Protein backbone atom coordinates (compact mmCIF):
# COMPACT_ATOMS: atom_id res chain seq x y z
CA MET A 1 0.12 -0.23 -0.23
CA LEU A 2 1.00 3.59 -0.96
CA HIS A 3 2.25 5.93 1.28
CA SER A 4 2.59 9.63 1.63
CA ALA A 5 6.05 11.14 0.47
CA LEU A 6 8.25 12.29 3.32
CA GLY A 7 10.87 14.47 3.43
CA TYR A 8 12.31 18.23 5.03
CA ARG A 9 13.65 20.18 2.43
CA GLY A 10 10.57 20.75 0.36
CA ALA A 11 7.61 19.31 -1.15
CA VAL A 12 5.86 20.10 -4.78
CA SER A 13 2.06 18.22 -5.31
CA ALA A 14 0.62 18.14 -8.75
CA PRO A 15 -1.75 16.03 -11.38
CA HIS A 16 1.28 16.37 -14.12
CA ARG A 17 4.61 15.20 -12.84
CA ALA A 18 6.59 17.50 -15.17
CA ALA A 19 5.21 20.17 -13.05
CA ALA A 20 5.86 18.50 -10.28
CA LEU A 21 9.16 18.05 -11.23
CA ALA A 22 9.46 21.97 -12.32
CA GLY A 23 8.52 22.67 -8.89
CA GLN A 24 10.82 20.27 -6.92
CA GLU A 25 13.59 22.06 -9.18
CA ILE A 26 12.97 25.53 -8.50
CA LEU A 27 13.12 24.19 -4.52
CA ALA A 28 15.85 22.30 -4.85
CA ARG A 29 17.71 25.80 -6.09
CA GLY A 30 16.90 27.55 -3.34
CA GLY A 31 13.57 28.76 -4.41
CA THR A 32 10.80 29.53 -2.05
CA ALA A 33 6.84 27.57 -2.51
CA ILE A 34 5.77 31.02 -4.06
CA GLU A 35 8.25 30.76 -6.45
CA ALA A 36 7.99 26.93 -7.28
CA MET A 37 4.47 27.10 -7.19
CA VAL A 38 4.59 29.59 -10.67
CA ALA A 39 7.24 27.13 -12.25
CA SER A 40 4.60 24.29 -11.37
CA ALA A 41 1.59 26.43 -12.88
CA SER A 42 3.47 27.86 -15.98
CA THR A 43 4.67 23.79 -16.79
CA ILE A 44 0.72 22.83 -16.37
CA ALA A 45 -0.60 25.53 -18.22
CA VAL A 46 1.66 23.61 -21.14
CA THR A 47 1.47 19.42 -20.10
CA TYR A 48 -2.29 19.53 -19.05
CA PRO A 49 -4.14 21.98 -21.36
CA HIS A 50 -7.24 20.49 -21.14
CA MET A 51 -7.40 21.46 -17.51
CA ASN A 52 -5.86 24.41 -17.65
CA GLY A 53 -3.76 27.21 -19.24
CA ILE A 54 -2.68 31.21 -19.19
CA GLY A 55 -5.80 32.07 -20.44
CA GLY A 56 -7.77 31.14 -17.51
CA ASP A 57 -7.88 32.41 -13.60
CA GLY A 58 -5.71 31.36 -10.61
CA PHE A 59 -6.66 31.31 -6.81
CA TRP A 60 -3.39 31.22 -3.78
CA ILE A 61 -3.89 30.86 -0.45
CA ILE A 62 -0.48 31.06 1.27
CA SER A 63 0.88 30.33 4.55
CA ARG A 64 3.84 31.92 6.08
CA PRO A 65 5.31 31.32 9.88
CA GLY A 66 4.16 34.01 12.05
CA GLU A 67 1.92 35.87 9.94
CA ALA A 68 -2.13 35.19 8.89
CA PRO A 69 -2.73 33.54 5.54
CA ILE A 70 -3.00 35.39 2.19
CA GLY A 71 -5.40 34.92 -0.62
CA ILE A 72 -4.75 36.32 -4.14
CA SER A 73 -7.69 36.76 -6.18
CA ALA A 74 -6.62 36.16 -9.79
CA CYS A 75 -10.24 35.99 -10.81
CA GLY A 76 -10.68 37.83 -14.29
CA HIS A 77 -13.98 40.37 -14.44
CA ALA A 78 -16.64 40.30 -17.26
CA ALA A 79 -15.93 42.97 -20.28
CA ALA A 80 -17.07 46.04 -20.32
CA LEU A 81 -19.45 45.31 -22.81
CA ALA A 82 -20.82 42.02 -21.21
CA THR A 83 -24.25 42.82 -20.56
CA PRO A 84 -27.60 40.64 -20.79
CA GLN A 85 -28.77 43.25 -24.03
CA TRP A 86 -25.46 42.73 -25.75
CA TYR A 87 -25.67 38.77 -25.62
CA ALA A 88 -29.51 39.44 -26.45
CA ASP A 89 -28.45 41.80 -29.82
CA GLN A 90 -26.38 38.97 -30.83
CA GLY A 91 -29.15 36.71 -30.60
CA HIS A 92 -28.33 34.90 -27.14
CA THR A 93 -30.90 33.51 -25.11
CA THR A 94 -28.50 32.10 -22.90
CA LEU A 95 -24.64 32.60 -22.29
CA PRO A 96 -22.69 30.36 -24.71
CA THR A 97 -20.18 28.14 -23.50
CA ARG A 98 -17.87 27.26 -26.63
CA GLY A 99 -16.64 30.02 -29.19
CA GLY A 100 -15.33 33.75 -29.00
CA ALA A 101 -18.54 35.10 -27.39
CA ALA A 102 -17.89 32.46 -24.29
CA ALA A 103 -14.80 34.41 -23.91
CA LEU A 104 -16.13 37.26 -21.85
CA THR A 105 -13.93 37.52 -18.36
CA VAL A 106 -10.58 38.36 -18.86
CA PRO A 107 -7.26 36.13 -18.23
CA GLY A 108 -6.44 36.54 -14.20
CA THR A 109 -3.79 33.45 -13.46
CA ILE A 110 -0.65 35.45 -15.48
CA GLY A 111 -1.40 38.27 -12.72
CA GLY A 112 -2.14 35.77 -9.35
CA TRP A 113 1.40 34.64 -10.22
CA GLU A 114 2.83 37.94 -10.27
CA ALA A 115 1.18 39.08 -7.30
CA ALA A 116 2.21 36.08 -5.36
CA LEU A 117 6.22 36.73 -6.93
CA SER A 118 5.38 40.22 -5.18
CA LEU A 119 5.72 38.30 -1.47
CA VAL A 120 9.07 37.25 -2.05
CA PRO A 121 11.81 39.31 -1.40
CA GLU A 122 13.40 40.97 -4.41
CA THR A 123 16.74 40.47 -2.97
CA ARG A 124 16.60 36.81 -2.64
CA ARG A 125 14.05 36.14 -5.67
CA LEU A 126 15.16 33.72 -8.69
CA PRO A 127 15.03 35.55 -12.39
CA LEU A 128 11.48 35.03 -13.86
CA SER A 129 13.36 33.51 -16.57
CA ASP A 130 14.28 30.78 -14.49
CA LEU A 131 10.49 30.14 -13.09
CA LEU A 132 9.40 29.89 -16.92
CA ALA A 133 11.95 27.69 -18.33
CA SER A 134 10.57 24.34 -18.00
CA ALA A 135 6.80 25.51 -19.36
CA ILE A 136 9.28 26.98 -22.13
CA ALA A 137 11.10 24.11 -23.16
CA TYR A 138 7.95 21.94 -23.20
CA ALA A 139 5.90 23.85 -25.43
CA ARG A 140 9.02 24.64 -27.59
CA ASP A 141 10.35 20.85 -27.44
CA GLY A 142 6.93 19.02 -26.84
CA ILE A 143 4.78 17.26 -24.62
CA ALA A 144 4.00 13.53 -24.65
CA VAL A 145 0.11 13.35 -24.73
CA THR A 146 -1.36 11.98 -21.48
CA GLY A 147 -4.31 9.36 -22.37
CA ASN A 148 -6.30 11.73 -19.92
CA GLN A 149 -5.77 14.52 -22.63
CA SER A 150 -6.66 12.17 -25.44
CA ARG A 151 -9.63 10.84 -23.81
CA THR A 152 -10.85 13.95 -22.96
CA THR A 153 -9.99 15.67 -26.33
CA THR A 154 -12.17 12.48 -28.26
CA ASP A 155 -15.29 13.09 -25.92
CA LYS A 156 -15.62 17.13 -26.33
CA LEU A 157 -14.90 17.10 -29.66
CA ASP A 158 -17.95 18.04 -31.11
CA GLY A 159 -18.24 21.27 -29.15
CA LEU A 160 -14.57 21.92 -29.89
CA ARG A 161 -13.01 21.27 -33.60
CA ASP A 162 -15.06 24.18 -35.25
CA VAL A 163 -13.52 27.18 -32.33
CA THR A 164 -11.50 29.03 -34.08
CA GLY A 165 -7.32 28.02 -33.66
CA PHE A 166 -8.54 24.77 -31.61
CA ALA A 167 -7.95 22.37 -34.56
CA GLU A 168 -4.52 23.63 -35.44
CA THR A 169 -3.11 23.74 -31.90
CA PHE A 170 -4.68 20.46 -30.37
CA LEU A 171 -5.62 17.97 -33.14
CA VAL A 172 -3.97 15.64 -35.48
CA ASP A 173 -5.13 15.91 -39.25
CA GLY A 174 -8.49 16.94 -37.47
CA GLN A 175 -8.35 14.03 -34.78
CA PRO A 176 -7.80 13.92 -31.14
CA PRO A 177 -4.02 13.22 -31.09
CA ALA A 178 -3.04 9.71 -29.26
CA PRO A 179 -1.70 8.70 -26.41
CA GLY A 180 1.87 9.51 -26.37
CA HIS A 181 2.31 11.46 -29.32
CA LEU A 182 4.30 14.34 -29.39
CA MET A 183 2.58 17.96 -29.27
CA ARG A 184 4.64 21.55 -29.74
CA GLN A 185 2.83 24.66 -29.04
CA PRO A 186 5.77 27.13 -30.69
CA ALA A 187 3.60 30.35 -30.48
CA LEU A 188 3.11 29.25 -26.62
CA ALA A 189 6.36 28.89 -26.39
CA ASP A 190 7.14 32.48 -27.64
CA THR A 191 4.53 34.27 -25.55
CA LEU A 192 5.79 32.73 -22.18
CA GLN A 193 9.42 33.36 -23.36
CA SER A 194 7.94 36.96 -23.96
CA LEU A 195 6.79 37.06 -20.36
CA ALA A 196 10.29 35.83 -18.92
CA ASP A 197 11.69 38.58 -20.99
CA HIS A 198 9.38 41.66 -20.67
CA GLY A 199 7.45 40.85 -17.33
CA LEU A 200 4.27 39.41 -16.31
CA SER A 201 2.42 42.45 -16.52
CA SER A 202 2.93 42.87 -20.53
CA PHE A 203 0.23 40.11 -20.58
CA TYR A 204 -2.33 42.80 -19.93
CA THR A 205 -0.87 46.08 -20.94
CA GLY A 206 2.00 45.33 -24.09
CA ASP A 207 2.11 43.41 -27.46
CA ILE A 208 0.52 39.92 -26.10
CA ALA A 209 -2.33 41.92 -24.81
CA LYS A 210 -3.13 43.99 -28.36
CA THR A 211 -2.56 40.97 -29.80
CA HIS A 212 -5.86 39.17 -27.88
CA ALA A 213 -7.85 41.86 -27.83
CA ALA A 214 -7.69 42.09 -31.59
CA PHE A 215 -8.17 38.70 -32.05
CA LEU A 216 -11.38 38.24 -29.32
CA GLU A 217 -13.09 41.44 -30.88
CA ALA A 218 -12.82 39.80 -34.62
CA ASN A 219 -13.67 36.30 -33.22
CA GLY A 220 -16.92 37.42 -31.44
CA SER A 221 -15.65 37.82 -28.08
CA PRO A 222 -16.67 41.56 -26.18
CA LEU A 223 -12.94 41.60 -24.35
CA ARG A 224 -11.24 44.57 -25.43
CA ALA A 225 -7.88 45.71 -24.46
CA ALA A 226 -9.61 48.12 -22.19
CA ASP A 227 -10.27 44.94 -20.00
CA PHE A 228 -6.98 43.42 -20.18
CA ALA A 229 -5.21 47.19 -18.67
CA SER A 230 -7.62 47.23 -15.80
CA GLN A 231 -7.52 43.70 -14.87
CA THR A 232 -5.81 43.27 -11.16
CA ALA A 233 -5.25 40.28 -8.98
CA GLU A 234 -6.17 41.37 -5.64
CA GLN A 235 -4.80 40.27 -1.89
CA VAL A 236 -7.26 39.07 -0.02
CA THR A 237 -8.23 37.75 3.66
CA PRO A 238 -9.23 34.29 3.39
CA LEU A 239 -12.58 33.40 4.32
CA SER A 240 -12.06 30.90 7.91
CA VAL A 241 -13.49 28.65 10.18
CA GLU A 242 -13.09 27.27 13.48
CA THR A 243 -13.47 23.70 14.07
CA SER A 244 -12.25 20.95 16.35
CA HIS A 245 -9.60 20.41 14.29
CA GLY A 246 -8.12 23.88 14.18
CA THR A 247 -9.13 26.94 11.87
CA LEU A 248 -9.73 25.83 8.21
CA TYR A 249 -9.08 28.57 5.49
CA ASN A 250 -10.33 29.06 1.74
CA MET A 251 -10.75 31.63 -1.30
CA ILE A 252 -13.64 34.27 -0.59
CA ALA A 253 -16.77 34.87 -3.11
CA PRO A 254 -17.22 34.84 -5.62
CA THR A 255 -15.21 30.76 -5.54
CA GLN A 256 -17.04 28.13 -4.05
CA GLY A 257 -14.82 28.35 -1.05
CA ILE A 258 -17.24 28.91 1.56
CA SER A 259 -18.72 25.90 0.37
CA SER A 260 -15.78 23.70 1.08
CA LEU A 261 -15.86 25.45 4.80
CA MET A 262 -19.43 25.06 5.48
CA ILE A 263 -18.99 21.17 4.50
CA LEU A 264 -15.90 20.54 6.91
CA ALA A 265 -17.88 22.45 9.99
CA LEU A 266 -21.20 21.02 9.95
CA PHE A 267 -19.71 17.66 9.62
CA ASP A 268 -17.51 18.92 12.67
CA ARG A 269 -20.93 19.42 14.46
CA LEU A 270 -22.48 16.00 13.85
CA GLY A 271 -20.02 14.21 15.99
CA VAL A 272 -19.41 11.57 14.00
CA SER A 273 -16.14 9.34 15.89
CA THR A 274 -14.93 6.40 12.94
CA GLY A 275 -14.10 6.82 8.95
CA GLU A 276 -15.29 4.85 6.26
CA GLY A 277 -18.76 3.92 7.26
CA PHE A 278 -21.94 5.10 7.40
CA ASP A 279 -22.03 8.03 9.26
CA HIS A 280 -18.70 9.69 7.74
CA LEU A 281 -20.27 9.04 4.72
CA HIS A 282 -23.48 9.77 5.03
CA GLY A 283 -22.45 12.66 7.40
CA LEU A 284 -20.80 14.53 4.84
CA ILE A 285 -23.37 14.18 1.85
CA GLU A 286 -25.79 15.56 3.94
CA ALA A 287 -23.56 18.73 4.90
CA THR A 288 -22.82 19.42 1.36
CA LYS A 289 -26.56 19.40 0.69
CA GLN A 290 -27.19 22.23 3.22
CA ALA A 291 -24.09 23.87 1.58
CA PHE A 292 -24.89 23.91 -1.47
CA LEU A 293 -28.39 24.84 -1.19
CA GLN A 294 -27.49 28.03 0.25
CA ARG A 295 -24.30 28.36 -2.55
CA ASN A 296 -26.97 28.07 -5.32
CA ALA A 297 -29.11 30.25 -3.71
CA GLU A 298 -27.09 33.54 -2.35
CA LEU A 299 -23.46 32.92 -4.20
CA GLY A 300 -22.46 35.11 -6.58
CA ASP A 301 -20.10 38.67 -7.14
CA PRO A 302 -19.76 40.21 -3.31
CA ARG A 303 -20.93 43.17 -4.56
CA ALA A 304 -24.34 41.69 -5.49
CA MET A 305 -24.83 39.03 -2.19
CA ALA A 306 -27.34 40.16 0.04
CA THR A 307 -25.28 38.92 3.07
CA PRO A 308 -20.86 38.49 3.14
CA ALA A 309 -19.93 34.93 2.62
CA GLN A 310 -18.16 35.00 5.99
CA ASP A 311 -21.48 35.31 7.98
CA TRP A 312 -22.37 32.15 6.71
CA LEU A 313 -20.02 30.77 8.76
CA THR A 314 -21.13 32.14 12.13
CA GLY A 315 -21.89 29.27 15.16
CA ASP A 316 -25.25 30.07 15.63
CA ARG A 317 -26.23 29.65 11.61
CA LEU A 318 -24.00 26.63 11.22
CA ASP A 319 -25.70 24.95 14.08
CA GLN A 320 -28.78 25.46 12.86
CA LEU A 321 -27.88 24.25 9.40
CA ALA A 322 -26.28 20.93 10.86
CA ALA A 323 -29.72 20.29 12.74
CA ARG A 324 -31.36 20.12 9.46
CA ILE A 325 -29.26 17.23 8.87
CA ASP A 326 -31.12 13.32 9.42
CA PRO A 327 -28.44 11.18 10.81
CA GLN A 328 -30.27 8.13 9.23
CA THR A 329 -32.37 9.75 6.09
CA ALA A 330 -31.32 11.16 3.15
CA GLN A 331 -32.58 15.02 2.10
CA PRO A 332 -33.90 14.37 -1.76
CA TRP A 333 -31.87 16.03 -3.61
CA PRO A 334 -32.77 18.18 -7.00
CA HIS A 335 -30.82 21.00 -7.66
CA GLU A 336 -28.75 23.38 -10.42
CA PRO A 337 -25.07 21.42 -10.63
CA LYS A 338 -22.12 23.38 -11.58
CA ASP A 339 -19.90 22.31 -14.32
CA GLY A 340 -15.97 22.95 -14.26
CA ASP A 341 -12.48 21.32 -15.03
CA THR A 342 -9.39 22.44 -13.08
CA ILE A 343 -5.84 21.49 -11.63
CA TRP A 344 -4.51 22.01 -8.10
CA MET A 345 -1.10 21.73 -6.58
CA GLY A 346 0.62 22.48 -3.48
CA ALA A 347 3.93 23.22 -2.35
CA ALA A 348 6.09 23.79 0.65
CA ASP A 349 9.80 24.58 1.33
CA ALA A 350 12.24 24.40 4.38
CA ASP A 351 11.54 28.23 5.64
CA GLY A 352 8.00 26.80 6.63
CA THR A 353 5.76 28.51 3.81
CA VAL A 354 2.72 26.46 2.57
CA VAL A 355 1.19 27.04 -1.03
CA SER A 356 -2.65 25.67 -2.22
CA PHE A 357 -2.72 27.08 -5.66
CA ILE A 358 -5.84 25.97 -7.85
CA GLN A 359 -5.71 27.07 -11.64
CA SER A 360 -8.52 26.85 -14.82
CA VAL A 361 -10.08 27.40 -17.79
CA TYR A 362 -13.61 26.17 -16.69
CA TRP A 363 -14.98 23.18 -19.06
CA GLU A 364 -12.15 21.27 -20.77
CA PHE A 365 -9.82 23.66 -22.99
CA GLY A 366 -12.30 26.98 -21.99
CA SER A 367 -13.99 28.63 -24.82
CA GLY A 368 -11.92 26.42 -26.87
CA LEU A 369 -10.98 30.17 -28.76
CA THR A 370 -7.22 29.70 -29.26
CA CYS A 371 -4.91 32.32 -30.56
CA PRO A 372 -2.63 31.29 -33.41
CA ASP A 373 -0.44 33.99 -32.78
CA THR A 374 -0.12 33.50 -29.07
CA GLY A 375 -0.73 29.70 -28.13
CA VAL A 376 -3.20 31.43 -25.85
CA PHE A 377 -6.87 29.49 -25.51
CA PHE A 378 -9.15 31.40 -23.12
CA GLN A 379 -11.41 30.22 -20.49
CA ASN A 380 -15.00 29.57 -20.39
CA ARG A 381 -15.86 31.42 -16.98
CA GLY A 382 -18.07 33.78 -18.41
CA ALA A 383 -20.87 31.23 -19.01
CA GLY A 384 -20.62 31.01 -14.76
CA PHE A 385 -22.92 33.95 -14.68
CA SER A 386 -26.83 34.22 -15.13
CA LEU A 387 -28.50 36.96 -17.83
CA THR A 388 -31.43 36.64 -15.36
CA PRO A 389 -31.52 38.93 -12.13
CA GLY A 390 -30.00 37.45 -8.92
CA PRO A 391 -26.52 37.43 -7.36
CA ASN A 392 -24.58 36.33 -10.09
CA GLN A 393 -26.03 37.84 -13.11
CA LEU A 394 -23.89 39.06 -15.54
CA LYS A 395 -22.66 43.02 -15.55
CA PRO A 396 -19.78 44.44 -16.64
CA GLY A 397 -16.90 44.30 -14.24
CA HIS A 398 -18.04 41.49 -12.20
CA LYS A 399 -17.07 38.15 -11.86
CA PRO A 400 -18.67 35.39 -12.08
CA PHE A 401 -19.54 32.03 -9.70
CA HIS A 402 -16.19 30.09 -9.47
CA THR A 403 -16.20 26.56 -8.48
CA LEU A 404 -12.31 26.74 -7.96
CA ASN A 405 -11.40 27.24 -4.07
CA PRO A 406 -7.82 25.97 -2.84
CA ALA A 407 -7.99 24.55 0.54
CA LEU A 408 -5.46 25.19 3.52
CA ALA A 409 -5.84 24.44 7.51
CA ARG A 410 -3.78 25.38 10.37
CA LEU A 411 -4.57 22.52 13.14
CA THR A 412 -4.25 22.67 16.60
CA ASP A 413 -1.09 20.31 16.95
CA GLY A 414 1.08 22.54 14.69
CA ARG A 415 0.53 21.26 11.37
CA VAL A 416 0.35 22.96 7.83
CA MET A 417 -2.10 21.25 5.67
CA ALA A 418 -2.76 22.72 2.03
CA TYR A 419 -5.27 20.43 0.06
CA GLY A 420 -7.60 20.28 -3.56
CA THR A 421 -8.97 19.07 -6.49
CA MET A 422 -10.07 19.62 -9.81
CA GLY A 423 -13.56 18.42 -10.62
CA GLY A 424 -16.08 21.24 -10.12
CA GLU A 425 -19.07 20.54 -8.57
CA GLY A 426 -16.76 17.89 -6.69
CA GLN A 427 -13.89 19.91 -5.48
CA PRO A 428 -15.57 20.68 -1.87
CA GLN A 429 -17.10 16.73 -1.27
CA THR A 430 -13.14 15.69 -2.38
CA GLN A 431 -11.36 18.57 0.05
CA ALA A 432 -14.16 17.09 2.78
CA ALA A 433 -13.33 13.42 1.88
CA VAL A 434 -9.37 14.00 2.08
CA PHE A 435 -9.53 16.45 5.21
CA THR A 436 -12.03 14.27 7.16
CA ARG A 437 -9.72 11.21 6.41
CA HIS A 438 -6.87 12.18 7.13
CA VAL A 439 -7.50 14.97 9.84
CA ALA A 440 -10.22 13.32 12.09
CA PHE A 441 -10.03 9.96 11.26
CA GLY A 442 -5.78 9.53 11.04
CA MET A 443 -5.80 7.60 7.52
CA ASP A 444 -2.26 8.27 6.04
CA LEU A 445 -2.21 11.36 3.78
CA GLN A 446 -1.35 9.06 0.46
CA GLN A 447 -4.46 6.60 1.46
CA SER A 448 -6.68 9.50 2.06
CA VAL A 449 -6.61 10.60 -1.53
CA THR A 450 -6.63 7.31 -2.99
CA ALA A 451 -9.38 5.48 -1.25
CA PRO A 452 -12.62 5.47 -3.05
CA ARG A 453 -14.60 8.48 -3.15
CA TRP A 454 -18.07 10.16 -4.14
CA LEU A 455 -19.73 12.70 -5.56
CA LEU A 456 -23.27 14.32 -5.40
CA GLY A 457 -24.38 15.68 -8.54
CA LYS A 458 -22.80 16.88 -11.66
CA THR A 459 -19.45 17.05 -13.28
CA TRP A 460 -17.39 16.21 -16.52
CA GLY A 461 -20.41 16.98 -18.81
CA ASP A 462 -22.65 13.82 -16.59
CA ASP A 463 -26.24 14.79 -16.48
CA THR A 464 -27.16 13.13 -13.02
CA THR A 465 -27.51 14.68 -10.06
CA SER A 466 -27.31 10.99 -8.28
CA LEU A 467 -24.60 10.22 -5.61
CA LYS A 468 -22.10 8.89 -7.15
CA LEU A 469 -19.74 6.16 -5.91
CA GLU A 470 -16.67 4.75 -7.04
CA ASP A 471 -16.88 0.93 -7.37
CA ARG A 472 -14.49 0.18 -4.38
CA PHE A 473 -16.60 0.43 -1.67
CA ASP A 474 -17.86 -2.75 0.69
CA THR A 475 -21.46 -3.64 -0.46
CA ALA A 476 -22.80 -3.46 2.73
CA LEU A 477 -22.29 0.54 2.87
CA ILE A 478 -23.30 0.81 -0.41
CA ASP A 479 -26.21 -1.18 0.27
CA ALA A 480 -26.74 1.47 3.83
CA LEU A 481 -26.14 4.39 2.10
CA THR A 482 -29.12 3.37 -0.49
CA LYS A 483 -31.63 1.80 2.49
CA ALA A 484 -30.74 5.86 3.71
CA GLY A 485 -32.67 7.31 0.42
CA HIS A 486 -29.48 8.02 -1.59
CA LYS A 487 -30.01 7.55 -5.05
CA VAL A 488 -26.68 5.76 -5.67
CA GLU A 489 -25.20 5.14 -8.77
CA MET A 490 -21.94 3.12 -9.36
CA ILE A 491 -18.63 4.56 -11.32
CA PRO A 492 -15.99 3.03 -12.54
CA PRO A 493 -12.67 2.78 -9.76
CA TYR A 494 -10.25 5.44 -10.05
CA SER A 495 -12.57 7.49 -12.03
CA ASP A 496 -11.98 10.79 -13.14
CA LEU A 497 -15.52 11.65 -11.53
CA ALA A 498 -14.03 11.35 -8.57
CA GLY A 499 -11.74 14.65 -9.11
CA HIS A 500 -7.46 14.72 -8.66
CA ALA A 501 -6.78 15.71 -5.52
CA GLY A 502 -3.52 16.40 -3.96
CA ALA A 503 -2.17 17.24 -0.28
CA VAL A 504 0.59 18.95 1.13
CA VAL A 505 1.57 18.85 4.90
CA ARG A 506 4.34 20.41 7.05
CA HIS A 507 4.64 19.65 10.45
CA ASP A 508 5.79 21.80 13.43
CA THR A 509 8.83 19.78 13.24
CA GLY A 510 10.06 20.58 9.72
CA LEU A 511 9.08 17.19 8.18
CA ILE A 512 6.69 17.99 5.13
CA GLU A 513 4.92 15.16 3.80
CA ALA A 514 2.95 15.09 0.07
CA ALA A 515 0.41 13.16 -1.96
CA SER A 516 -0.79 12.83 -5.44
CA ASP A 517 -3.90 11.66 -6.92
CA PRO A 518 -3.87 7.78 -8.69
CA ARG A 519 -6.16 9.20 -10.95
CA ALA A 520 -4.51 11.54 -12.57
CA ASP A 521 -0.82 11.71 -14.56
CA GLY A 522 1.39 13.54 -11.68
CA ALA A 523 3.62 12.89 -9.04
CA ALA A 524 4.27 14.00 -4.74
CA LEU A 525 7.62 15.18 -4.87
CA VAL A 526 9.44 15.63 -1.40
CA PHE A 527 13.46 15.93 -0.87
């Protein structure tokens, strides 16, 4: 049985091995966990393009010894032209999910890299060219296409093949690349080299921004040069909640980080004493329903929300929600699920900095719209908006509902844990599974990630809202959940539907452990 990797100098967990290696190389050279994460983030944008890219958004939570955790929200805002009327004038009754009109929010992740690096003192910061070197090399020299990318491209081909630039960049003679195909991205290599030479801000105000603005306008997007120039990443105070295990942190609205915190805080109130049985799974599933009902009704851009998300985490409010959970019977579950595909990565260094990071273009390959001059494809995160009134209605400058949420915990025993996953609707659920297994019930970190998981609702284009269980759970547990009223659907073992999770834990002794998900193509490297 695999166990978590252990070491003292540093750790990186990533869903693609090349990204983990890029981060490890920076740590080995004396770089910080923040710099290692930029190296990993840029590399995975090249090597795992179906899950993320530099045309998407990113979020950070950074824990440094003796300081309060810092959040960085690199969430792109809607274009100045992006209004319900603009879309109505273009003939849209709903927001499109592919093509130029779907690319309606500014890519934020590059600004997030820059904001994170600003926290590293210039006197010890490694050159940006060093941090991007691995990504540039993989883009120029080529990557071996993973089976995951090949399958995903095949599954989503009908909606992507005719989108401008997609076929030329990601298909081979009009067909998905086979696993192992050598895929080069020379235009993206040039873009990354330009960022290394001219600075990350040039993505928003330099020649790259001008090229993107012209391309986007020509292909039906409402984004313009002024939208890029006004984009900024924000340093924020993460949401937090106290539990019996310590203080848990996650990203502010419009991300669903609030849901992840609510699930764990509600479960903490149920008094479950043993893991992997009915009480564990049923308790987390029912806590998920309570959190998602609140999320679906009220979460959006903070300027449009009736109540600040942090107020959802007050003790009285959580007590009231926990009281609604029946310990024996499942609550009926119709709801409107959210899609999304993503990568999560974590890093820790010998100085005690721990990073939880997540980066995404929303759906697989985002909007699919790919600029041939830069190799950048643009997210469709704006599809998370609504055209109808409410907290998530499309407005210029506003930010859409985000499934992304990097998690971090400072535990009562001195450990700091960064953890997270891809998987849209499943992100808070997988976080809850990994956290409770490792922290509440003492399971080894790697085993907590590897163990069978569940998903309530929809992700990866699946239309059902059933409770999906990987086909590795004990049959008696499955029967008990079914008898309690859960609408159970079995999915294959180690299914992508269950997400690609990872975790990094730093002990107060300096020991670092890390885990990565066998469902992905990654690695947990500790040294």
